Structure formats: C-alpha cells, structure tokens
N, C-alpha and C. Protein backbone atom coordinates (compact mmCIF):
# COMPACT_ATOMS: atom_id res chain seq x y z
N MET A 1 0.86 6.00 15.69
CA MET A 1 0.29 4.53 15.66
C MET A 1 0.65 3.79 14.61
N SER A 2 1.16 2.44 14.96
CA SER A 2 1.57 1.66 13.81
C SER A 2 0.65 0.60 13.49
N GLU A 3 -0.11 0.21 14.52
CA GLU A 3 -1.08 -0.82 14.25
C GLU A 3 -2.59 -0.45 14.74
N LEU A 4 -3.48 -0.85 13.85
CA LEU A 4 -4.95 -0.71 14.17
C LEU A 4 -5.66 -1.98 13.93
N ARG A 5 -6.35 -2.36 14.99
CA ARG A 5 -7.34 -3.66 14.84
C ARG A 5 -8.79 -3.22 14.96
N LEU A 6 -9.44 -3.52 14.06
CA LEU A 6 -10.80 -3.23 14.14
C LEU A 6 -11.67 -4.57 13.67
N ALA A 7 -11.27 -5.55 14.54
CA ALA A 7 -11.90 -6.84 14.10
C ALA A 7 -13.30 -6.96 14.59
N THR A 8 -14.20 -7.58 14.02
CA THR A 8 -15.56 -7.83 14.37
C THR A 8 -16.25 -6.69 14.84
N CYS A 9 -16.11 -5.57 13.98
CA CYS A 9 -16.83 -4.16 14.22
C CYS A 9 -17.70 -3.88 13.00
N GLU A 10 -18.94 -3.65 13.20
CA GLU A 10 -19.66 -3.40 12.06
C GLU A 10 -19.59 -1.80 11.87
N ILE A 11 -18.74 -1.36 11.12
CA ILE A 11 -18.37 0.14 10.99
C ILE A 11 -19.21 0.62 9.76
N PRO A 12 -20.02 1.71 9.97
CA PRO A 12 -20.72 2.28 8.85
C PRO A 12 -19.74 2.68 7.83
N SER A 13 -20.09 2.58 6.56
CA SER A 13 -19.14 3.02 5.46
C SER A 13 -18.74 4.43 5.43
N ASN A 14 -19.53 5.35 5.88
CA ASN A 14 -18.98 6.74 6.01
C ASN A 14 -18.03 6.89 7.01
N VAL A 15 -18.10 6.10 8.18
CA VAL A 15 -17.01 6.13 9.21
C VAL A 15 -15.72 5.64 8.64
N VAL A 16 -15.86 4.57 7.87
CA VAL A 16 -14.74 3.85 7.28
C VAL A 16 -14.01 4.74 6.24
N LYS A 17 -14.67 5.52 5.51
CA LYS A 17 -14.18 6.50 4.63
C LYS A 17 -13.57 7.51 5.37
N ASP A 18 -13.97 8.14 6.31
CA ASP A 18 -13.31 9.05 7.12
C ASP A 18 -12.01 8.41 7.90
N LEU A 19 -12.13 7.31 8.33
CA LEU A 19 -11.04 6.59 8.80
C LEU A 19 -9.84 6.59 7.97
N PHE A 20 -10.14 6.07 6.75
CA PHE A 20 -9.18 5.87 5.59
C PHE A 20 -8.46 7.35 5.39
N SER A 21 -9.28 8.41 5.36
CA SER A 21 -8.75 9.69 5.06
C SER A 21 -7.81 10.09 6.12
N VAL A 22 -8.09 9.84 7.36
CA VAL A 22 -7.18 10.28 8.45
C VAL A 22 -5.96 9.32 8.41
N LEU A 23 -6.09 8.19 8.09
CA LEU A 23 -4.90 7.24 8.00
C LEU A 23 -3.89 7.56 6.93
N LYS A 24 -4.55 8.09 5.78
CA LYS A 24 -3.77 8.68 4.69
C LYS A 24 -2.98 9.80 5.12
N GLU A 25 -3.37 10.62 5.90
CA GLU A 25 -2.81 11.98 6.42
C GLU A 25 -1.68 11.51 7.28
N LYS A 26 -1.87 10.58 8.17
CA LYS A 26 -0.79 10.26 9.26
C LYS A 26 0.22 9.40 8.69
N ASN A 27 -0.11 8.47 7.68
CA ASN A 27 0.66 7.59 6.80
C ASN A 27 1.84 7.05 7.79
N SER A 28 1.40 6.43 9.06
CA SER A 28 2.29 5.72 9.79
C SER A 28 2.01 4.29 10.09
N LEU A 29 0.82 3.84 9.53
CA LEU A 29 0.24 2.53 9.80
C LEU A 29 1.03 1.39 9.19
N GLN A 30 1.53 0.40 9.94
CA GLN A 30 2.21 -0.81 9.43
C GLN A 30 1.29 -2.01 9.32
N LYS A 31 0.37 -2.09 10.35
CA LYS A 31 -0.66 -3.23 10.33
C LYS A 31 -2.08 -2.56 10.39
N LEU A 32 -2.92 -3.10 9.40
CA LEU A 32 -4.38 -2.95 9.50
C LEU A 32 -5.22 -4.13 9.56
N GLU A 33 -5.98 -4.37 10.57
CA GLU A 33 -6.78 -5.47 10.57
C GLU A 33 -8.31 -5.04 10.57
N MET A 34 -8.97 -5.21 9.47
CA MET A 34 -10.44 -4.97 9.60
C MET A 34 -11.16 -6.14 9.11
N SER A 35 -10.88 -7.29 9.89
CA SER A 35 -11.57 -8.55 9.69
C SER A 35 -13.00 -8.53 10.33
N ASN A 36 -13.92 -9.10 9.41
CA ASN A 36 -15.31 -9.18 9.84
C ASN A 36 -15.84 -7.93 10.34
N ALA A 37 -15.63 -7.02 9.58
CA ALA A 37 -16.12 -5.53 9.82
C ALA A 37 -17.16 -4.97 8.92
N ASN A 38 -17.82 -6.01 8.21
CA ASN A 38 -18.79 -5.71 7.35
C ASN A 38 -18.58 -4.72 6.25
N LEU A 39 -17.27 -4.95 5.74
CA LEU A 39 -16.95 -4.07 4.68
C LEU A 39 -17.40 -4.67 3.29
N ASP A 40 -17.69 -3.72 2.34
CA ASP A 40 -18.04 -4.17 1.04
C ASP A 40 -17.50 -3.19 -0.06
N GLY A 41 -17.88 -3.34 -1.19
CA GLY A 41 -17.40 -2.64 -2.34
C GLY A 41 -17.59 -1.06 -2.20
N SER A 42 -18.46 -0.68 -1.31
CA SER A 42 -18.77 0.83 -1.18
C SER A 42 -17.66 1.42 -0.59
N ILE A 43 -16.70 0.88 0.07
CA ILE A 43 -15.49 1.56 0.54
C ILE A 43 -14.21 1.29 -0.23
N LEU A 44 -14.37 0.42 -1.23
CA LEU A 44 -13.27 -0.01 -1.98
C LEU A 44 -12.41 1.14 -2.51
N LYS A 45 -12.93 2.32 -3.02
CA LYS A 45 -12.16 3.40 -3.52
C LYS A 45 -11.29 3.93 -2.42
N ASP A 46 -11.94 4.00 -1.28
CA ASP A 46 -11.08 4.60 -0.14
C ASP A 46 -10.01 3.60 0.26
N LEU A 47 -10.35 2.29 0.31
CA LEU A 47 -9.25 1.38 0.69
C LEU A 47 -8.18 1.40 -0.30
N ILE A 48 -8.47 1.49 -1.55
CA ILE A 48 -7.50 1.43 -2.66
C ILE A 48 -6.49 2.73 -2.59
N SER A 49 -7.23 3.78 -2.42
CA SER A 49 -6.50 5.11 -2.20
C SER A 49 -5.49 5.16 -1.02
N PHE A 50 -5.98 4.53 0.06
CA PHE A 50 -5.16 4.33 1.26
C PHE A 50 -3.86 3.47 0.99
N VAL A 51 -4.02 2.38 0.34
CA VAL A 51 -3.13 1.35 0.07
C VAL A 51 -2.09 2.05 -0.86
N GLU A 52 -2.63 2.67 -1.90
CA GLU A 52 -1.78 3.29 -2.82
C GLU A 52 -0.73 4.36 -2.21
N THR A 53 -1.33 5.18 -1.24
CA THR A 53 -0.46 6.28 -0.70
C THR A 53 0.27 5.85 0.57
N SER A 54 -0.07 4.59 1.11
CA SER A 54 0.63 4.11 2.24
C SER A 54 2.14 3.83 2.02
N ILE A 55 3.11 4.40 2.66
CA ILE A 55 4.43 4.11 2.58
C ILE A 55 4.88 3.10 3.58
N ARG A 56 4.20 2.76 4.65
CA ARG A 56 4.55 1.92 5.78
C ARG A 56 3.71 0.50 5.82
N LEU A 57 2.61 0.38 5.14
CA LEU A 57 1.67 -0.68 5.45
C LEU A 57 2.41 -1.94 5.01
N GLU A 58 2.62 -2.94 6.05
CA GLU A 58 3.23 -4.11 5.67
C GLU A 58 2.22 -5.28 5.74
N GLU A 59 1.23 -5.15 6.56
CA GLU A 59 0.23 -6.32 6.84
C GLU A 59 -1.24 -5.66 6.72
N LEU A 60 -1.91 -6.33 5.85
CA LEU A 60 -3.41 -6.08 5.63
C LEU A 60 -4.28 -7.23 5.86
N ASN A 61 -5.21 -7.11 6.64
CA ASN A 61 -6.19 -8.29 6.94
C ASN A 61 -7.72 -7.70 6.72
N ILE A 62 -8.25 -8.16 5.56
CA ILE A 62 -9.59 -7.67 5.35
C ILE A 62 -10.48 -8.92 5.17
N SER A 63 -10.13 -9.88 5.94
CA SER A 63 -10.79 -11.22 5.89
C SER A 63 -12.25 -11.04 6.50
N TRP A 64 -13.03 -12.21 6.12
CA TRP A 64 -14.43 -12.21 6.65
C TRP A 64 -15.18 -10.98 6.45
N ASN A 65 -15.16 -10.40 5.25
CA ASN A 65 -15.98 -9.27 4.80
C ASN A 65 -16.79 -9.61 3.58
N LYS A 66 -17.33 -8.52 2.95
CA LYS A 66 -18.42 -8.83 1.92
C LYS A 66 -17.73 -8.36 0.47
N PHE A 67 -16.56 -8.49 0.26
CA PHE A 67 -16.06 -8.01 -1.04
C PHE A 67 -16.27 -8.99 -2.05
N SER A 68 -16.62 -8.60 -3.20
CA SER A 68 -17.00 -9.39 -4.36
C SER A 68 -15.73 -9.72 -5.13
N PRO A 69 -15.85 -10.70 -6.12
CA PRO A 69 -14.67 -10.96 -6.94
C PRO A 69 -14.30 -9.67 -7.78
N TYR A 70 -15.22 -8.90 -8.21
CA TYR A 70 -14.92 -7.77 -8.99
C TYR A 70 -14.11 -6.75 -8.13
N ASP A 71 -14.51 -6.71 -6.85
CA ASP A 71 -13.83 -5.68 -6.04
C ASP A 71 -12.35 -6.17 -5.87
N PHE A 72 -12.21 -7.46 -5.75
CA PHE A 72 -10.73 -7.94 -5.73
C PHE A 72 -9.92 -7.60 -6.84
N GLU A 73 -10.49 -7.83 -8.08
CA GLU A 73 -9.64 -7.52 -9.27
C GLU A 73 -9.16 -6.22 -9.16
N LYS A 74 -10.00 -5.17 -8.78
CA LYS A 74 -9.54 -3.73 -8.66
C LYS A 74 -8.62 -3.67 -7.46
N LEU A 75 -8.80 -4.20 -6.37
CA LEU A 75 -7.84 -4.19 -5.34
C LEU A 75 -6.45 -4.94 -5.69
N PHE A 76 -6.45 -6.00 -6.37
CA PHE A 76 -5.29 -6.61 -6.80
C PHE A 76 -4.33 -5.80 -7.61
N ARG A 77 -4.95 -4.89 -8.46
CA ARG A 77 -4.16 -4.09 -9.27
C ARG A 77 -3.20 -3.11 -8.39
N THR A 78 -3.93 -2.62 -7.54
CA THR A 78 -3.23 -1.63 -6.48
C THR A 78 -2.14 -2.35 -5.62
N LEU A 79 -2.58 -3.64 -5.01
CA LEU A 79 -1.73 -4.26 -4.21
C LEU A 79 -0.42 -4.61 -4.80
N SER A 80 -0.41 -4.94 -6.04
CA SER A 80 0.73 -5.33 -6.70
C SER A 80 1.83 -4.25 -6.94
N LYS A 81 1.32 -3.06 -6.70
CA LYS A 81 2.27 -1.79 -6.70
C LYS A 81 2.82 -1.45 -5.38
N ASN A 82 2.29 -1.96 -4.38
CA ASN A 82 2.70 -1.85 -2.91
C ASN A 82 4.06 -2.37 -2.65
N LYS A 83 5.04 -1.77 -2.51
CA LYS A 83 6.48 -2.51 -2.35
C LYS A 83 6.69 -2.85 -0.95
N ARG A 84 5.75 -2.33 0.19
CA ARG A 84 6.16 -2.83 1.54
C ARG A 84 5.27 -3.99 1.79
N LEU A 85 4.06 -4.19 1.35
CA LEU A 85 3.22 -5.23 1.84
C LEU A 85 3.66 -6.65 1.68
N HIS A 86 3.76 -7.23 2.89
CA HIS A 86 4.39 -8.74 2.81
C HIS A 86 3.25 -9.58 3.43
N GLU A 87 2.16 -9.25 3.90
CA GLU A 87 1.13 -10.16 4.46
C GLU A 87 -0.19 -9.56 4.18
N LEU A 88 -1.04 -10.49 3.48
CA LEU A 88 -2.38 -10.06 3.05
C LEU A 88 -3.24 -11.18 3.40
N ASN A 89 -4.38 -10.93 4.12
CA ASN A 89 -5.41 -11.95 4.34
C ASN A 89 -6.78 -11.53 3.91
N LEU A 90 -7.17 -12.21 2.93
CA LEU A 90 -8.46 -12.01 2.23
C LEU A 90 -9.45 -13.24 2.40
N SER A 91 -9.17 -14.06 3.51
CA SER A 91 -9.89 -15.24 3.57
C SER A 91 -11.43 -14.93 3.84
N TRP A 92 -12.25 -15.91 3.56
CA TRP A 92 -13.70 -15.82 3.83
C TRP A 92 -14.39 -14.54 3.17
N ASN A 93 -13.98 -14.20 2.05
CA ASN A 93 -14.46 -13.18 1.24
C ASN A 93 -15.11 -14.03 0.02
N ASN A 94 -15.92 -13.33 -0.85
CA ASN A 94 -16.43 -13.95 -2.02
C ASN A 94 -15.42 -14.00 -3.19
N VAL A 95 -14.48 -14.85 -3.04
CA VAL A 95 -13.41 -14.89 -4.12
C VAL A 95 -13.68 -16.03 -5.10
N SER A 96 -13.87 -15.71 -6.31
CA SER A 96 -14.19 -16.70 -7.30
C SER A 96 -12.83 -17.33 -8.05
N GLU A 97 -13.09 -18.35 -8.61
CA GLU A 97 -12.05 -18.87 -9.47
C GLU A 97 -11.55 -17.91 -10.60
N ASN A 98 -12.45 -17.08 -11.13
CA ASN A 98 -12.07 -16.06 -12.06
C ASN A 98 -11.08 -15.16 -11.82
N ILE A 99 -10.79 -14.99 -10.46
CA ILE A 99 -9.64 -13.96 -10.21
C ILE A 99 -8.29 -14.70 -9.74
N ILE A 100 -8.33 -16.06 -9.79
CA ILE A 100 -7.14 -16.79 -9.33
C ILE A 100 -5.92 -16.28 -10.12
N PRO A 101 -5.98 -16.03 -11.43
CA PRO A 101 -4.66 -15.40 -11.96
C PRO A 101 -4.29 -14.17 -11.35
N ALA A 102 -5.23 -13.27 -11.06
CA ALA A 102 -4.78 -11.92 -10.40
C ALA A 102 -4.41 -12.21 -9.03
N GLN A 103 -4.98 -13.17 -8.32
CA GLN A 103 -4.45 -13.51 -7.06
C GLN A 103 -3.00 -13.93 -7.10
N LYS A 104 -2.71 -14.87 -8.01
CA LYS A 104 -1.35 -15.28 -8.13
C LYS A 104 -0.32 -14.26 -8.42
N LYS A 105 -0.77 -13.23 -9.18
CA LYS A 105 0.11 -12.20 -9.56
C LYS A 105 0.41 -11.51 -8.21
N ILE A 106 -0.61 -11.18 -7.45
CA ILE A 106 -0.37 -10.27 -6.32
C ILE A 106 0.50 -11.20 -5.35
N GLU A 107 0.27 -12.50 -5.05
CA GLU A 107 1.06 -13.38 -4.36
C GLU A 107 2.55 -13.28 -4.73
N SER A 108 2.73 -13.34 -5.98
CA SER A 108 4.04 -13.27 -6.56
C SER A 108 4.78 -11.94 -6.20
N ALA A 109 3.98 -10.87 -6.41
CA ALA A 109 4.52 -9.49 -6.01
C ALA A 109 4.96 -9.37 -4.59
N ILE A 110 3.93 -9.84 -3.81
CA ILE A 110 4.18 -9.82 -2.18
C ILE A 110 5.41 -10.63 -1.88
N GLU A 111 5.62 -11.79 -2.51
CA GLU A 111 6.93 -12.64 -2.23
C GLU A 111 8.07 -11.87 -2.83
N ASP A 112 8.09 -11.29 -3.84
CA ASP A 112 9.08 -10.57 -4.42
C ASP A 112 9.51 -9.25 -3.57
N ASN A 113 8.52 -8.65 -2.86
CA ASN A 113 8.71 -7.57 -1.95
C ASN A 113 9.35 -8.02 -0.74
N PHE A 114 8.92 -9.26 -0.29
CA PHE A 114 9.41 -9.79 0.84
C PHE A 114 10.95 -10.20 0.74
N GLU A 115 11.18 -10.84 -0.36
CA GLU A 115 12.52 -11.25 -0.56
C GLU A 115 13.42 -9.89 -0.82
N ALA A 116 12.93 -8.97 -1.47
CA ALA A 116 13.75 -7.81 -1.65
C ALA A 116 14.09 -7.11 -0.17
N ARG A 117 13.12 -7.05 0.55
CA ARG A 117 13.30 -6.43 2.01
C ARG A 117 14.31 -7.31 2.81
N LYS A 118 14.14 -8.59 2.55
CA LYS A 118 15.00 -9.50 3.29
C LYS A 118 16.52 -9.35 2.82
N ARG A 119 16.61 -9.23 1.66
CA ARG A 119 18.14 -9.09 1.06
C ARG A 119 18.61 -7.71 1.55
N SER A 120 17.86 -6.66 1.60
CA SER A 120 18.36 -5.39 2.03
C SER A 120 18.75 -5.28 3.63
N ILE A 121 18.12 -6.28 4.32
CA ILE A 121 18.38 -6.29 5.79
C ILE A 121 19.72 -7.19 6.08
N ASP A 122 19.86 -8.21 5.07
CA ASP A 122 21.24 -9.17 5.28
C ASP A 122 22.13 -8.24 4.92
C-alpha cells in the first residue's frame, strides 16, 4: 500500500496509535491523509515516530485537526529531518504566530528536499 486516506474520520487515539505502529512496520506509505480526523496532541508521539522512521513518505496531510502550536513545534523538528517529504498540509489547525520561524524552517527544508530529488531525476 502506497497511499492511505482517512479523511473526515473520527478515529479513536488508541486506533491511531495502532495504525502508526503497523505503518512503521510496513514502511511503504508514500501518501498519508488524515485530514479532519479529530487528531490532537495525544497521538503526536506516534505520528513523530512514524515520520522519523518512514523512508518513503512524500506527502502528509494532517489539516483540520486539533493540534496545538506546541504540538507543531515538536513536529517541525522531526519533519525537517525527513528527506523525502515534499508536501505538507497543516491548514486549519491551531497554528500561532509564535511558531512561524519553525514553520519557515520546515518549508525551507521541504523545498531543499524537493530540489535535491528533482536534480537527481534530471
């Protein structure tokens, strides 16, 4: 499986944790959409662990959830290390102006990753 879309699903946090555990084992996912899935900081540790170990993840959509600015600060640190990710959707979460510098850093890292991949294809 290379793509998983769980949009507009209210998934209990224990199920999400189990899902991330399975996805880590398979390590084949390229696109993950969990928009409007009622996600919050309680699954952040599992999401971060999945992103850290994913060698194929290129697109991540976690828009319309309940992540806090503090959650994003932790997530951004991990996302900047992921060399494959080139698309990230965080819209309609509780992002404050305090994390804009961290957001700019991750945007820059994603652009660098995209450009590096583009050069390797050319």
